[in-house]
C-alpha atoms as a PDB file:
ATOM      1  CA  MET A   1     -91.569-107.657-159.582  1.00  0.00           C
ATOM      2  CA  SER A   2     -92.993-104.215-160.162  1.00  0.00           C
ATOM      3  CA  LEU A   3     -91.359-101.007-159.044  1.00  0.00           C
ATOM      4  CA  PHE A   4     -94.004-100.617-156.333  1.00  0.00           C
ATOM      5  CA  GLY A   5     -93.287-104.143-155.063  1.00  0.00           C
ATOM      6  CA  LEU A   6     -89.538-103.480-154.990  1.00  0.00           C
ATOM      7  CA  LEU A   7     -90.046-100.215-153.116  1.00  0.00           C
ATOM      8  CA  ASP A   8     -92.362-101.971-150.655  1.00  0.00           C
ATOM      9  CA  HIS A   9     -89.780-104.692-149.935  1.00  0.00           C
ATOM     10  CA  LEU A  10     -86.977-102.152-149.549  1.00  0.00           C
ATOM     11  CA  LEU A  11     -88.939 -99.960-147.155  1.00  0.00           C
ATOM     12  CA  ASN A  12     -90.008-102.965-145.092  1.00  0.00           C
ATOM     13  CA  PHE A  13     -86.371-104.056-144.897  1.00  0.00           C
ATOM     14  CA  ILE A  14     -85.048-100.712-143.625  1.00  0.00           C
ATOM     15  CA  ALA A  15     -88.010 -99.801-141.386  1.00  0.00           C
ATOM     16  CA  PRO A  16     -86.754-101.664-138.262  1.00  0.00           C
ATOM     17  CA  ALA A  17     -83.335-100.007-138.562  1.00  0.00           C
ATOM     18  CA  LEU A  18     -84.842 -96.542-138.813  1.00  0.00           C
ATOM     19  CA  VAL A  19     -87.432 -96.983-136.067  1.00  0.00           C
ATOM     20  CA  VAL A  20     -85.008 -98.466-133.533  1.00  0.00           C
ATOM     21  CA  GLY A  21     -82.403 -95.810-134.329  1.00  0.00           C
ATOM     22  CA  LEU A  22     -84.923 -93.003-133.872  1.00  0.00           C
ATOM     23  CA  LEU A  23     -86.378 -94.422-130.657  1.00  0.00           C
ATOM     24  CA  VAL A  24     -82.989 -94.986-129.042  1.00  0.00           C
ATOM     25  CA  ALA A  25     -81.865 -91.445-129.898  1.00  0.00           C
ATOM     26  CA  ALA A  26     -85.145 -90.030-128.580  1.00  0.00           C
ATOM     27  CA  MET A  27     -84.971 -91.959-125.299  1.00  0.00           C
ATOM     28  CA  ALA A  28     -81.254 -91.380-124.666  1.00  0.00           C
ATOM     29  CA  PRO A  29     -81.684 -88.088-122.740  1.00  0.00           C
ATOM     30  CA  VAL A  30     -84.254 -89.747-120.489  1.00  0.00           C
ATOM     31  CA  LEU A  31     -82.309 -92.931-119.796  1.00  0.00           C
ATOM     32  CA  MET A  32     -78.745 -91.576-119.830  1.00  0.00           C
ATOM     33  CA  LYS A  33     -79.142 -88.548-117.589  1.00  0.00           C
ATOM     34  CA  LYS A  34     -75.530 -88.255-116.484  1.00  0.00           C
ATOM     35  CA  SER A  35     -74.067 -88.113-119.985  1.00  0.00           C
ATOM     36  CA  ARG A  36     -74.606 -84.992-122.042  1.00  0.00           C
ATOM     37  CA  PRO A  37     -75.333 -85.411-125.757  1.00  0.00           C
ATOM     38  CA  HIS A  38     -72.372 -84.488-127.961  1.00  0.00           C
ATOM     39  CA  HIS A  39     -74.405 -84.598-131.163  1.00  0.00           C
ATOM     40  CA  SER A  40     -77.832 -83.363-132.104  1.00  0.00           C
ATOM     41  CA  TRP A  41     -80.805 -85.713-131.950  1.00  0.00           C
ATOM     42  CA  LEU A  42     -80.837 -85.984-135.744  1.00  0.00           C
ATOM     43  CA  ILE A  43     -77.138 -86.908-135.943  1.00  0.00           C
ATOM     44  CA  GLN A  44     -77.495 -89.513-133.196  1.00  0.00           C
ATOM     45  CA  SER A  45     -80.484 -91.113-134.904  1.00  0.00           C
ATOM     46  CA  ALA A  46     -78.610 -91.147-138.242  1.00  0.00           C
ATOM     47  CA  ILE A  47     -75.596 -92.850-136.630  1.00  0.00           C
ATOM     48  CA  ASN A  48     -77.814 -95.409-134.900  1.00  0.00           C
ATOM     49  CA  SER A  49     -79.901 -96.091-138.005  1.00  0.00           C
ATOM     50  CA  GLY A  50     -76.797 -96.456-140.159  1.00  0.00           C
ATOM     51  CA  ALA A  51     -75.270 -98.956-137.754  1.00  0.00           C
ATOM     52  CA  ASN A  52     -78.578-100.843-137.635  1.00  0.00           C
ATOM     53  CA  LEU A  53     -78.798-100.980-141.408  1.00  0.00           C
ATOM     54  CA  LEU A  54     -75.279-102.419-141.629  1.00  0.00           C
ATOM     55  CA  VAL A  55     -76.234-105.138-139.145  1.00  0.00           C
ATOM     56  CA  LEU A  56     -79.384-105.968-141.122  1.00  0.00           C
ATOM     57  CA  LEU A  57     -77.356-106.222-144.330  1.00  0.00           C
ATOM     58  CA  ALA A  58     -74.795-108.456-142.610  1.00  0.00           C
ATOM     59  CA  GLY A  59     -77.577-110.661-141.244  1.00  0.00           C
ATOM     60  CA  MET A  60     -79.065-110.976-144.701  1.00  0.00           C
ATOM     61  CA  LEU A  61     -75.700-111.997-146.130  1.00  0.00           C
ATOM     62  CA  ILE A  62     -74.987-114.492-143.340  1.00  0.00           C
ATOM     63  CA  PHE A  63     -78.410-116.133-143.095  1.00  0.00           C
ATOM     64  CA  GLY A  64     -79.490-115.733-146.718  1.00  0.00           C
ATOM     65  CA  HIS A  65     -82.745-113.925-145.876  1.00  0.00           C
ATOM     66  CA  ASP A  66     -83.971-111.243-143.539  1.00  0.00           C
ATOM     67  CA  GLY A  67     -86.227-111.452-140.517  1.00  0.00           C
ATOM     68  CA  LYS A  68     -84.103-113.659-138.249  1.00  0.00           C
ATOM     69  CA  MET A  69     -84.391-112.907-134.543  1.00  0.00           C
ATOM     70  CA  ALA A  70     -80.611-113.239-134.150  1.00  0.00           C
ATOM     71  CA  THR A  71     -80.184-110.363-136.604  1.00  0.00           C
ATOM     72  CA  TYR A  72     -82.675-108.212-134.719  1.00  0.00           C
ATOM     73  CA  ALA A  73     -80.949-108.979-131.415  1.00  0.00           C
ATOM     74  CA  ALA A  74     -77.592-108.001-132.912  1.00  0.00           C
ATOM     75  CA  MET A  75     -79.206-104.840-134.267  1.00  0.00           C
ATOM     76  CA  VAL A  76     -80.453-103.806-130.814  1.00  0.00           C
ATOM     77  CA  ILE A  77     -77.058-104.480-129.213  1.00  0.00           C
ATOM     78  CA  THR A  78     -75.276-102.545-131.958  1.00  0.00           C
ATOM     79  CA  CYS A  79     -77.685 -99.619-131.647  1.00  0.00           C
ATOM     80  CA  ALA A  80     -77.244 -99.430-127.888  1.00  0.00           C
ATOM     81  CA  SER A  81     -73.474 -99.610-128.292  1.00  0.00           C
ATOM     82  CA  SER A  82     -73.384 -96.875-130.933  1.00  0.00           C
ATOM     83  CA  GLN A  83     -75.544 -94.638-128.750  1.00  0.00           C
ATOM     84  CA  TRP A  84     -73.301 -95.300-125.773  1.00  0.00           C
ATOM     85  CA  ILE A  85     -70.171 -94.504-127.811  1.00  0.00           C
ATOM     86  CA  SER A  86     -71.573 -91.407-129.545  1.00  0.00           C
ATOM     87  CA  GLY A  87     -72.916 -90.112-126.232  1.00  0.00           C
ATOM     88  CA  LYS A  88     -69.514 -90.672-124.593  1.00  0.00           C
ATOM     89  CA  ALA A  89     -71.274 -92.354-121.654  1.00  0.00           C
ATOM     90  CA  TRP A  90     -68.102 -94.087-120.460  1.00  0.00           C
ATOM     91  CA  ARG A  91     -66.889 -90.722-119.125  1.00  0.00           C
ATOM     92  CA  GLY A  92     -69.477 -90.847-116.417  1.00  0.00           C
END
């Protein structure tokens, strides 16, 4: 595999984690109006994307390859949970 091919596979692997993390952090002020953000938008998206990437890596280890819908579902649940925790939404 060439270096370009390896880079292409790596970017395609991490793209869902980054996109979902960015979108959830961007939509949090709109959807979670009662909770005030305790971190900047960039920090929230980094936390969400990092949690998503860990879930994708775990799914790859468990299933043996990437792209399983169960992994993506776990990624969305983890991202929502990390946004809820970092936004301290349980305080009301």
